[in-house]
Protein backbone atom coordinates (compact mmCIF):
# COMPACT_ATOMS: atom_id res chain seq x y z
CA UNK A 1 93.68 158.86 93.81
CA UNK A 2 91.45 156.30 92.10
CA UNK A 3 92.66 152.82 91.20
CA UNK A 4 93.48 152.45 87.51
CA UNK A 5 93.24 149.20 85.57
CA UNK A 6 96.11 147.85 83.46
CA UNK A 7 95.27 145.41 80.67
CA UNK A 8 98.25 143.69 79.08
CA UNK A 9 97.17 142.10 75.80
CA UNK A 10 99.37 139.58 73.96
CA UNK A 11 98.54 138.63 70.38
CA UNK A 12 100.13 135.43 69.11
CA UNK A 13 99.97 134.56 65.44
CA UNK A 14 101.79 132.56 62.80
CA UNK A 15 100.35 131.42 59.48
CA UNK A 16 100.01 127.72 58.80
CA UNK A 17 103.55 126.52 58.05
CA UNK A 18 103.42 122.80 58.84
CA UNK A 19 104.33 120.88 55.66
CA UNK A 20 105.17 124.22 53.98
CA UNK A 21 108.94 124.56 54.23
CA UNK A 22 111.48 124.38 57.04
CA UNK A 23 114.18 127.06 56.97
CA UNK A 24 114.49 130.01 56.49
CA UNK A 25 110.71 130.14 55.97
CA UNK A 26 108.44 127.46 57.32
CA UNK A 27 108.31 125.18 60.34
CA UNK A 28 111.35 126.70 62.05
CA UNK A 29 109.25 129.86 62.57
CA UNK A 30 106.82 127.79 64.61
CA UNK A 31 109.45 125.96 66.64
CA UNK A 32 111.27 129.19 67.45
CA UNK A 33 108.01 130.83 68.54
CA UNK A 34 107.23 127.89 70.84
CA UNK A 35 110.71 127.83 72.36
CA UNK A 36 111.38 131.55 72.62
CA UNK A 37 107.90 132.90 73.38
CA UNK A 38 105.21 130.41 74.36
CA UNK A 39 107.12 128.15 76.74
CA UNK A 40 108.80 131.16 78.44
CA UNK A 41 105.41 132.84 78.84
CA UNK A 42 104.00 129.65 80.33
CA UNK A 43 107.02 129.62 82.64
CA UNK A 44 106.15 133.14 83.79
CA UNK A 45 102.56 132.11 84.43
CA UNK A 46 103.74 129.07 86.39
CA UNK A 47 105.97 131.33 88.49
CA UNK A 48 103.06 133.70 89.06
CA UNK A 49 101.01 130.76 90.28
CA UNK A 50 103.81 129.72 92.63
CA UNK A 51 104.07 133.24 94.07
CA UNK A 52 100.33 133.80 94.30
CA UNK A 53 100.34 136.53 91.65
CA UNK A 54 97.42 137.32 89.35
CA UNK A 55 98.99 138.86 86.22
CA UNK A 56 95.64 139.52 84.53
CA UNK A 57 96.89 139.04 80.97
CA UNK A 58 94.52 138.90 78.02
CA UNK A 59 96.05 136.47 75.54
CA UNK A 60 95.06 135.80 71.97
CA UNK A 61 96.46 132.69 70.32
CA UNK A 62 95.11 132.96 66.80
CA UNK A 63 92.99 130.02 65.63
CA UNK A 64 95.39 128.98 62.87
CA UNK A 65 98.25 128.99 65.41
CA UNK A 66 96.16 126.88 67.79
CA UNK A 67 95.62 124.35 65.02
CA UNK A 68 99.38 124.07 64.62
CA UNK A 69 100.30 123.92 68.30
CA UNK A 70 97.85 121.04 68.75
CA UNK A 71 98.96 119.10 65.66
CA UNK A 72 100.99 115.87 66.08
CA UNK A 73 103.55 117.05 63.51
CA UNK A 74 104.32 120.08 65.65
CA UNK A 75 104.48 118.09 68.86
CA UNK A 76 106.94 115.56 67.45
CA UNK A 77 108.86 118.09 65.39
CA UNK A 78 109.28 120.46 68.31
CA UNK A 79 110.74 117.73 70.52
CA UNK A 80 113.26 116.96 67.76
CA UNK A 81 114.00 120.68 67.32
CA UNK A 82 114.71 121.14 71.03
CA UNK A 83 116.99 118.09 70.99
CA UNK A 84 118.82 119.40 67.94
CA UNK A 85 119.43 122.81 69.48
CA UNK A 86 120.53 121.38 72.80
CA UNK A 87 123.15 119.40 70.86
CA UNK A 88 124.12 122.59 68.99
CA UNK A 89 124.64 124.37 72.31
CA UNK A 90 126.84 121.56 73.60
CA UNK A 91 128.87 121.57 70.37
CA UNK A 92 129.24 125.35 70.63
CA UNK A 93 130.52 124.98 74.20
CA UNK A 94 133.16 122.55 73.03
CA UNK A 95 134.15 124.82 70.15
CA UNK A 96 134.37 127.94 72.30
CA UNK A 97 136.35 126.12 74.99
CA UNK A 98 138.78 124.84 72.38
CA UNK A 99 139.60 128.34 71.26
CA UNK A 100 139.84 129.70 74.80
CA UNK A 101 136.63 131.75 74.82
CA UNK A 102 135.38 130.56 78.18
CA UNK A 103 132.61 133.16 78.58
CA UNK A 104 130.93 132.16 75.31
CA UNK A 105 131.41 128.52 76.31
CA UNK A 106 129.58 129.26 79.57
CA UNK A 107 126.77 130.97 77.65
CA UNK A 108 126.49 127.91 75.40
CA UNK A 109 126.15 125.76 78.50
CA UNK A 110 123.34 128.04 79.70
CA UNK A 111 121.59 127.59 76.37
CA UNK A 112 121.86 123.81 76.77
CA UNK A 113 120.35 123.96 80.25
CA UNK A 114 117.51 126.23 79.06
CA UNK A 115 116.63 123.92 76.17
CA UNK A 116 116.75 120.84 78.40
CA UNK A 117 114.39 122.49 80.87
CA UNK A 118 112.06 123.41 78.02
CA UNK A 119 111.95 119.79 76.90
CA UNK A 120 110.97 118.82 80.45
CA UNK A 121 108.29 121.52 80.59
CA UNK A 122 106.84 120.50 77.24
CA UNK A 123 106.51 116.90 78.41
CA UNK A 124 105.09 118.02 81.78
CA UNK A 125 102.23 119.88 80.10
CA UNK A 126 101.45 116.86 77.95
CA UNK A 127 102.96 118.52 74.87
CA UNK A 128 99.94 120.82 74.84
CA UNK A 129 100.63 124.54 74.92
CA UNK A 130 96.90 125.28 74.31
CA UNK A 131 95.99 123.00 77.20
CA UNK A 132 98.43 124.73 79.55
CA UNK A 133 97.05 128.15 78.58
CA UNK A 134 93.50 126.91 79.15
CA UNK A 135 94.51 125.74 82.65
CA UNK A 136 95.88 129.18 83.50
CA UNK A 137 92.70 130.74 82.14
CA UNK A 138 90.58 128.45 84.32
CA UNK A 139 92.65 129.59 87.31
CA UNK A 140 91.91 133.24 86.49
CA UNK A 141 95.46 134.27 85.63
CA UNK A 142 94.70 135.02 81.96
CA UNK A 143 91.75 135.55 79.65
CA UNK A 144 91.85 133.95 76.21
CA UNK A 145 90.82 135.69 72.99
CA UNK A 146 89.81 134.48 69.55
CA UNK A 147 90.10 136.03 66.10
CA UNK A 148 89.57 135.39 62.42
CA UNK A 149 90.36 131.83 61.43
CA UNK A 150 93.50 132.56 59.40
CA UNK A 151 94.15 136.22 60.23
CA UNK A 152 92.07 137.36 57.26
CA UNK A 153 92.35 141.11 56.70
CA UNK A 154 88.83 142.48 57.21
CA UNK A 155 89.11 145.84 55.38
CA UNK A 156 89.85 144.10 52.07
CA UNK A 157 87.68 140.98 52.21
CA UNK A 158 85.26 141.23 49.30
CA UNK A 159 82.06 139.49 50.42
CA UNK A 160 80.41 139.85 53.83
CA UNK A 161 79.75 136.11 53.79
CA UNK A 162 83.50 135.45 53.49
CA UNK A 163 84.29 137.89 56.29
CA UNK A 164 81.63 136.24 58.43
CA UNK A 165 83.08 132.78 57.74
CA UNK A 166 86.50 133.97 58.95
CA UNK A 167 84.90 135.09 62.22
CA UNK A 168 82.77 131.99 62.73
CA UNK A 169 85.53 129.54 61.88
CA UNK A 170 87.90 131.37 64.21
CA UNK A 171 85.52 131.43 67.17
CA UNK A 172 84.62 127.77 66.73
CA UNK A 173 88.28 126.76 66.53
CA UNK A 174 89.23 128.66 69.69
CA UNK A 175 86.30 127.13 71.53
CA UNK A 176 87.29 123.63 70.39
CA UNK A 177 90.83 124.02 71.70
CA UNK A 178 90.15 126.00 74.88
CA UNK A 179 86.77 124.60 75.84
CA UNK A 180 85.10 127.99 76.29
CA UNK A 181 83.68 130.67 73.99
CA UNK A 182 85.88 133.76 73.84
CA UNK A 183 84.33 137.04 75.03
CA UNK A 184 86.90 139.11 73.15
CA UNK A 185 88.58 139.01 69.78
CA UNK A 186 91.76 140.27 68.20
CA UNK A 187 91.22 142.05 64.91
CA UNK A 188 93.97 140.88 62.54
CA UNK A 189 96.41 143.79 62.15
CA UNK A 190 94.05 145.71 64.52
CA UNK A 191 92.23 146.45 61.25
CA UNK A 192 88.78 147.96 61.66
CA UNK A 193 86.33 148.53 58.82
CA UNK A 194 83.07 150.39 59.49
CA UNK A 195 79.79 149.52 57.85
CA UNK A 196 78.93 151.44 54.73
CA UNK A 197 79.74 152.25 51.14
CA UNK A 198 82.80 150.59 49.59
CA UNK A 199 84.33 150.11 46.15
CA UNK A 200 86.71 147.12 45.82
CA UNK A 201 90.23 148.13 44.76
CA UNK A 202 90.50 145.54 41.98
CA UNK A 203 88.36 143.27 39.77
CA UNK A 204 85.04 144.96 40.58
CA UNK A 205 84.17 148.61 40.07
CA UNK A 206 80.68 148.61 41.55
CA UNK A 207 80.03 150.38 44.83
CA UNK A 208 78.47 148.15 47.46
CA UNK A 209 77.24 148.26 51.03
CA UNK A 210 79.02 146.00 53.46
CA UNK A 211 78.79 145.07 57.12
CA UNK A 212 81.19 146.56 59.61
CA UNK A 213 83.59 144.60 61.77
CA UNK A 214 81.54 145.52 64.82
CA UNK A 215 78.42 143.95 63.37
CA UNK A 216 80.25 140.80 62.26
CA UNK A 217 81.67 140.08 65.72
CA UNK A 218 78.71 141.34 67.75
CA UNK A 219 76.38 138.96 65.90
CA UNK A 220 78.53 136.07 67.13
CA UNK A 221 78.42 137.20 70.77
CA UNK A 222 81.83 138.86 71.02
CA UNK A 223 81.94 141.74 73.54
CA UNK A 224 85.20 143.57 72.79
CA UNK A 225 88.23 143.98 70.55
CA UNK A 226 91.22 146.30 70.14
CA UNK A 227 92.09 149.18 67.82
CA UNK A 228 95.05 151.50 67.43
CA UNK A 229 95.15 154.81 69.25
CA UNK A 230 94.24 157.03 66.31
CA UNK A 231 90.89 155.32 65.79
CA UNK A 232 89.84 156.31 69.31
CA UNK A 233 91.27 159.84 69.26
CA UNK A 234 89.51 160.53 65.94
CA UNK A 235 86.23 158.83 66.87
CA UNK A 236 82.91 160.55 66.21
CA UNK A 237 80.78 160.77 69.40
CA UNK A 238 77.27 159.37 69.01
CA UNK A 239 75.78 159.04 72.47
CA UNK A 240 76.53 158.91 76.19
CA UNK A 241 75.24 155.91 78.10
CA UNK A 242 74.08 156.54 81.67
CA UNK A 243 71.79 154.47 83.90
CA UNK A 244 70.88 152.35 80.90
CA UNK A 245 69.80 155.33 78.83
CA UNK A 246 71.44 156.82 75.74
CA UNK A 247 71.74 160.57 75.37
CA UNK A 248 72.81 161.91 71.96
CA UNK A 249 76.13 163.76 71.91
CA UNK A 250 76.85 166.56 69.50
CA UNK A 251 80.29 167.91 68.70
CA UNK A 252 83.52 166.42 69.98
CA UNK A 253 82.29 165.19 73.36
CA UNK A 254 83.31 166.43 76.78
CA UNK A 255 86.97 165.57 77.57
CA UNK A 256 86.06 165.39 81.26
CA UNK A 257 83.91 162.36 80.42
CA UNK A 258 86.83 160.61 78.74
CA UNK A 259 85.72 161.15 75.17
CA UNK A 260 88.34 160.21 72.59
CA UNK A 261 90.73 159.09 75.29
CA UNK A 262 92.65 155.89 74.55
CA UNK A 263 92.51 155.24 78.28
CA UNK A 264 88.77 154.59 78.21
CA UNK A 265 86.91 151.93 76.24
CA UNK A 266 84.33 153.11 73.70
CA UNK A 267 81.28 151.21 72.50
CA UNK A 268 81.11 151.01 68.70
CA UNK A 269 78.22 152.33 66.64
CA UNK A 270 77.77 151.38 63.00
CA UNK A 271 75.34 153.22 60.75
CA UNK A 272 74.51 155.26 63.83
CA UNK A 273 73.34 152.20 65.80
CA UNK A 274 75.17 150.93 68.92
CA UNK A 275 76.50 147.41 68.38
CA UNK A 276 77.13 146.53 72.02
CA UNK A 277 80.73 145.80 71.03
CA UNK A 278 83.47 147.69 72.89
CA UNK A 279 86.80 148.86 71.48
CA UNK A 280 89.89 149.17 73.67
CA UNK A 281 92.38 151.68 72.30
CA UNK A 282 96.13 151.17 72.47
CA UNK A 283 97.66 153.38 75.17
CA UNK A 284 100.40 155.03 73.09
CA UNK A 285 103.00 156.20 75.63
CA UNK A 286 102.98 152.90 77.51
CA UNK A 287 103.02 150.72 74.41
CA UNK A 288 105.64 152.63 72.49
CA UNK A 289 108.05 152.53 75.42
CA UNK A 290 108.19 148.78 74.98
CA UNK A 291 108.22 148.37 71.22
CA UNK A 292 109.57 151.63 69.78
CA UNK A 293 112.58 151.06 67.54
CA UNK A 294 114.08 154.36 68.73
CA UNK A 295 113.58 154.44 72.51
CA UNK A 296 111.98 151.13 73.45
CA UNK A 297 113.46 148.94 76.18
CA UNK A 298 114.59 146.09 73.85
CA UNK A 299 117.12 148.43 72.25
CA UNK A 300 119.14 148.71 75.47
CA UNK A 301 122.73 147.70 74.82
CA UNK A 302 122.72 145.13 77.64
CA UNK A 303 120.05 142.93 76.12
CA UNK A 304 120.62 139.91 73.87
CA UNK A 305 121.10 140.83 70.20
CA UNK A 306 118.43 139.19 68.06
CA UNK A 307 120.08 139.47 64.65
CA UNK A 308 123.48 137.87 65.31
CA UNK A 309 123.75 134.09 65.47
CA UNK A 310 126.65 131.68 65.70
CA UNK A 311 126.56 130.12 62.25
CA UNK A 312 123.54 129.39 60.10
CA UNK A 313 120.44 128.73 62.21
CA UNK A 314 122.65 129.06 65.27
CA UNK A 315 122.24 130.34 68.80
CA UNK A 316 122.81 133.89 70.05
CA UNK A 317 125.77 134.90 72.24
CA UNK A 318 126.11 138.64 71.82
CA UNK A 319 124.38 141.72 73.20
CA UNK A 320 122.85 144.72 71.46
CA UNK A 321 125.91 146.70 72.58
CA UNK A 322 124.64 150.03 71.21
CA UNK A 323 122.54 151.75 68.57
CA UNK A 324 124.04 151.42 65.13
CA UNK A 325 126.77 148.99 66.18
CA UNK A 326 127.63 146.66 63.29
CA UNK A 327 126.87 142.98 63.87
CA UNK A 328 130.56 142.18 63.59
CA UNK A 329 131.34 144.54 66.46
CA UNK A 330 128.82 143.23 68.98
CA UNK A 331 130.17 142.47 72.45
CA UNK A 332 129.51 139.22 74.35
CA UNK A 333 126.28 138.97 76.31
CA UNK A 334 126.29 139.14 80.12
CA UNK A 335 123.03 137.89 81.69
CA UNK A 336 123.63 139.69 85.00
CA UNK A 337 123.80 143.02 83.20
CA UNK A 338 120.58 142.20 81.35
CA UNK A 339 118.89 141.29 84.65
CA UNK A 340 119.78 144.71 86.02
CA UNK A 341 118.30 146.32 82.90
CA UNK A 342 115.07 144.35 83.36
CA UNK A 343 114.72 145.60 86.94
CA UNK A 344 115.32 149.21 85.91
CA UNK A 345 112.92 149.02 82.98
CA UNK A 346 110.21 147.37 85.07
CA UNK A 347 110.48 150.23 87.58
CA UNK A 348 110.33 152.78 84.78
CA UNK A 349 107.30 151.07 83.23
CA UNK A 350 105.39 151.18 86.49
CA UNK A 351 106.22 154.89 86.77
CA UNK A 352 104.82 155.42 83.27
CA UNK A 353 101.60 153.65 84.23
CA UNK A 354 101.30 155.84 87.31
CA UNK A 355 101.86 159.00 85.27
CA UNK A 356 99.32 158.01 82.65
CA UNK A 357 96.69 157.11 85.24
CA UNK A 358 97.28 160.34 87.15
CA UNK A 359 97.15 162.53 84.04
CA UNK A 360 93.87 160.90 82.95
CA UNK A 361 92.35 161.45 86.38
CA UNK A 362 93.29 165.13 86.26
CA UNK A 363 91.91 165.70 82.75
CA UNK A 364 88.65 163.91 83.48
CA UNK A 365 88.07 165.30 86.94
CA UNK A 366 88.52 162.02 88.78
CA UNK A 367 87.73 159.22 86.32
CA UNK A 368 89.91 156.12 86.62
CA UNK A 369 91.88 154.96 83.59
CA UNK A 370 91.84 151.66 81.78
CA UNK A 371 95.34 151.42 80.33
CA UNK A 372 95.41 148.87 77.54
CA UNK A 373 98.79 147.83 76.11
CA UNK A 374 98.50 145.35 73.22
CA UNK A 375 101.62 143.70 71.80
CA UNK A 376 102.64 140.92 69.45
CA UNK A 377 103.40 138.06 71.83
CA UNK A 378 106.62 137.24 69.98
CA UNK A 379 108.10 140.54 71.13
CA UNK A 380 108.47 138.85 74.52
CA UNK A 381 111.13 136.18 74.28
CA UNK A 382 111.67 135.91 70.54
CA UNK A 383 112.56 139.47 69.55
CA UNK A 384 113.36 140.55 73.11
CA UNK A 385 114.89 137.61 74.94
CA UNK A 386 114.42 139.18 78.35
CA UNK A 387 110.80 140.14 77.65
CA UNK A 388 109.18 137.31 79.65
CA UNK A 389 111.27 138.19 82.72
CA UNK A 390 110.17 141.81 82.29
CA UNK A 391 106.53 140.69 82.35
CA UNK A 392 107.16 138.71 85.53
CA UNK A 393 108.70 141.75 87.20
CA UNK A 394 105.70 143.87 86.14
CA UNK A 395 103.34 141.29 87.66
CA UNK A 396 105.32 141.34 90.90
CA UNK A 397 105.26 145.12 91.16
CA UNK A 398 101.58 145.46 90.29
CA UNK A 399 100.49 142.80 92.77
CA UNK A 400 101.26 145.11 95.65
CA UNK A 401 100.65 148.46 93.97
CA UNK A 402 98.19 150.74 95.81
CA UNK A 403 96.66 152.48 92.76
CA UNK A 404 97.23 150.13 89.79
CA UNK A 405 95.55 146.77 89.21
CA UNK A 406 96.40 144.26 86.47
CA UNK A 407 93.11 142.89 85.12
CA UNK A 408 91.83 141.05 82.11
CA UNK A 409 89.74 143.00 79.64
CA UNK A 410 86.50 141.34 80.71
CA UNK A 411 87.17 142.29 84.32
CA UNK A 412 87.98 145.84 83.23
CA UNK A 413 84.63 146.14 81.45
CA UNK A 414 82.83 144.75 84.47
CA UNK A 415 84.44 147.30 86.75
CA UNK A 416 84.21 150.24 84.33
CA UNK A 417 81.71 149.60 81.53
CA UNK A 418 82.03 151.69 78.38
CA UNK A 419 79.68 154.66 78.74
CA UNK A 420 80.51 156.31 75.40
CA UNK A 421 79.12 155.24 72.02
CA UNK A 422 81.19 156.34 69.04
CA UNK A 423 81.68 155.72 65.34
CA UNK A 424 85.19 154.79 64.22
CA UNK A 425 86.92 155.51 60.95
CA UNK A 426 88.68 152.67 59.14
CA UNK A 427 92.24 152.01 60.21
CA UNK A 428 94.96 149.55 61.28
CA UNK A 429 98.02 149.49 63.51
CA UNK A 430 100.24 149.08 60.45
CA UNK A 431 102.45 151.70 58.85
CA UNK A 432 100.54 154.95 58.22
CA UNK A 433 97.62 153.57 60.21
CA UNK A 434 95.88 152.44 57.01
CA UNK A 435 95.82 149.48 54.59
CA UNK A 436 98.94 150.45 52.63
CA UNK A 437 101.01 147.55 53.97
CA UNK A 438 98.48 145.07 52.60
CA UNK A 439 97.31 146.98 49.53
CA UNK A 440 99.59 148.67 47.01
CA UNK A 441 100.35 148.36 43.34
CA UNK A 442 102.70 145.43 43.81
CA UNK A 443 99.98 143.37 45.48
CA UNK A 444 97.24 143.83 42.88
CA UNK A 445 97.84 140.27 41.63
CA UNK A 446 97.15 138.90 45.11
CA UNK A 447 93.87 140.72 45.62
CA UNK A 448 92.74 139.85 42.10
CA UNK A 449 93.36 136.19 42.94
CA UNK A 450 91.64 136.47 46.32
CA UNK A 451 88.59 138.25 44.90
CA UNK A 452 88.18 135.83 42.00
CA UNK A 453 88.39 133.00 44.51
CA UNK A 454 85.73 134.61 46.71
CA UNK A 455 83.49 135.17 43.69
CA UNK A 456 83.83 131.60 42.50
CA UNK A 457 83.28 130.11 45.93
CA UNK A 458 80.14 132.13 46.59
CA UNK A 459 78.80 131.34 43.12
CA UNK A 460 79.18 127.61 43.76
CA UNK A 461 77.83 127.97 47.31
CA UNK A 462 74.60 129.50 45.97
CA UNK A 463 74.27 127.59 42.68
CA UNK A 464 75.14 124.03 43.65
CA UNK A 465 72.89 121.90 45.84
CA UNK A 466 75.81 120.86 48.01
CA UNK A 467 73.57 119.94 50.93
CA UNK A 468 72.19 116.98 48.96
CA UNK A 469 75.24 116.14 46.83
CA UNK A 470 77.92 114.49 49.02
CA UNK A 471 80.79 114.86 46.53
CA UNK A 472 79.97 118.51 45.89
CA UNK A 473 79.84 119.14 49.64
CA UNK A 474 83.13 117.34 50.24
CA UNK A 475 85.00 119.28 47.58
CA UNK A 476 83.41 122.64 48.33
CA UNK A 477 84.22 122.24 52.02
CA UNK A 478 87.87 121.62 51.19
CA UNK A 479 87.80 124.58 48.81
CA UNK A 480 86.52 126.66 51.73
CA UNK A 481 89.58 125.69 53.77
CA UNK A 482 91.88 126.73 50.94
CA UNK A 483 90.00 130.03 50.57
CA UNK A 484 90.51 130.76 54.27
CA UNK A 485 94.22 129.96 53.90
CA UNK A 486 94.50 132.21 50.83
CA UNK A 487 92.95 135.10 52.78
CA UNK A 488 95.67 135.14 55.47
CA UNK A 489 97.06 138.65 55.87
CA UNK A 490 100.57 137.22 56.16
CA UNK A 491 101.22 136.75 52.45
CA UNK A 492 100.74 140.42 51.63
CA UNK A 493 102.70 141.43 54.73
CA UNK A 494 105.85 139.39 54.03
CA UNK A 495 105.86 140.59 50.41
CA UNK A 496 105.51 144.28 51.33
CA UNK A 497 108.10 144.15 54.11
CA UNK A 498 110.41 142.05 51.91
CA UNK A 499 110.81 139.65 54.79
CA UNK A 500 109.96 136.60 52.68
CA UNK A 501 108.84 137.65 49.20
CA UNK A 502 109.47 134.25 47.66
CA UNK A 503 107.60 132.43 50.40
CA UNK A 504 104.60 134.76 50.24
CA UNK A 505 104.35 134.37 46.48
CA UNK A 506 104.68 130.61 46.76
CA UNK A 507 101.91 130.29 49.33
CA UNK A 508 99.52 132.50 47.35
CA UNK A 509 100.00 130.45 44.20
CA UNK A 510 99.75 127.12 46.03
CA UNK A 511 96.48 127.91 47.82
CA UNK A 512 94.89 129.55 44.79
CA UNK A 513 95.88 126.65 42.52
CA UNK A 514 94.50 123.98 44.81
CA UNK A 515 91.37 126.02 45.44
CA UNK A 516 90.81 126.20 41.68
CA UNK A 517 91.28 122.45 41.23
CA UNK A 518 88.76 121.71 43.98
CA UNK A 519 86.22 124.10 42.49
CA UNK A 520 86.66 122.39 39.12
CA UNK A 521 85.77 119.16 40.89
CA UNK A 522 82.59 120.72 42.30
CA UNK A 523 81.63 121.82 38.79
CA UNK A 524 82.24 118.30 37.43
CA UNK A 525 80.28 116.62 40.22
CA UNK A 526 77.37 119.03 39.81
CA UNK A 527 77.32 118.55 36.04
CA UNK A 528 77.53 114.78 36.39
CA UNK A 529 80.63 114.46 34.17
CA UNK A 530 83.74 112.40 34.77
CA UNK A 531 85.95 113.98 37.39
CA UNK A 532 89.38 115.19 36.35
CA UNK A 533 91.97 112.95 38.10
CA UNK A 534 93.71 116.12 39.21
CA UNK A 535 90.79 116.84 41.54
CA UNK A 536 91.32 113.72 43.66
CA UNK A 537 95.04 114.49 43.81
CA UNK A 538 94.34 118.08 44.92
CA UNK A 539 91.96 116.81 47.59
CA UNK A 540 94.51 114.29 48.86
CA UNK A 541 97.27 116.90 48.88
CA UNK A 542 95.18 119.48 50.73
CA UNK A 543 94.19 117.01 53.41
CA UNK A 544 97.83 116.08 53.92
CA UNK A 545 99.41 119.54 53.89
CA UNK A 546 96.60 121.64 55.39
CA UNK A 547 94.57 119.52 57.85
CA UNK A 548 92.91 122.51 59.51
CA UNK A 549 89.43 123.27 60.86
CA UNK A 550 88.11 119.67 60.93
CA UNK A 551 84.69 120.94 62.00
CA UNK A 552 84.38 123.47 59.16
CA UNK A 553 80.77 124.03 58.10
CA UNK A 554 79.67 125.48 54.78
CA UNK A 555 76.85 127.17 56.65
CA UNK A 556 79.41 129.59 58.07
CA UNK A 557 79.31 131.38 54.70
CA UNK A 558 75.62 132.20 55.04
């Protein structure tokens, strides 16, 4: 049997929330993500280093999240948050003891110990989560990805120049924080748009040609990204690459060569031309076993229940218990039981990998599989408290496995380069595999605002001599930051899912309003008229609330 490659991909993202609310929507999101996901994942990587394991993760911390994790407000606020929650745990222990619930009191004490250790870890890494990740990358334990600057949703960005700016700003930001240029990128929402004909859904009715995602990233030197399974299984074969030569392929492609298999990377062609950019498809059986709401591991009754807290903003002390069990009927959590579940699920996961690799080898007549499993990083630790321990157990099992190797995506492509060139249809990993989560009747107002902002920005970019007018350049640059913030896919997502409708609406209106004020200032400066006092106030406010992308260049919109 050949040796198959396993690529675990973790995608970490949160929109910019510093200075934009606390609880239930705002900075607490960021502090919870740091405490429940990023520090535990760093703890796993530290343990791997101690045991001599090479987990081979490919990790994407989105540029806008990097900006937050490196910001002084986060660093100070997170220390205060950890201190607050350690005190909460101690108060809970006292409360539970007073009413004779000694098991919950013990759990509260465990929470206090965990939070204290996290405070120590955060200080030990110099309060720099990005720096700690970069150190693990330098040691070869992980590979770091980049992405669009603010998680802009490519399929619905109006102008190619604005899509290109998202890519360039994102790559530059990742390089600034990590010190190296990323070879791979995460497509926000795994959303791929091919090159070709397109009619905007609102504002404009004219058909236009636009660049594909492959072209946008390939032009900036990116080598690979990730798409959902259905984009690979429905791909249109273009050519087979062998010994440096391309041979046209007609029809569906030979299954024995791995065509349309999510277990083999495919090079992307746009307008019939190979881009050199490779797409990894999500391995469905493996991925769904972890995150499926119906049969995924996190739904096991022994694991910590995410949705039940002790009081408002409180800590968690109860277990899932069972499917459909009301929150009021949840049983207390027992860590030893959860540890046993982790061991069993890690064994089962390895078996799944073996089965997938073996089945692929049989179908293809001996080709080795590249099993790519991409997940939201917050699944591990935040949504599924035991998730980081599960990843550690997977790393331990794979380290000594005879036919499975955990590797980063760049290593996978070095060992098994993509030899198939295919055209992909548009698609996402969202509901229905399309854009419906981010585009429906209730979101028309958002896309109208975003498109009018894009139009106005590009008009000023072309019409105003900002290169030789310092005030115009200053204001237009700040307007560019607000445009990037407005384009974040998060606002449409939280409105559609009803997770934070009020917050999404608020952020859209805030960014669009300040963008408009700044553009008014550009108009005034270019016309040589007295500047509206509101412009200076908008500039001051933006620099205080949204101090992102300090190296932003207007040339990125070229």
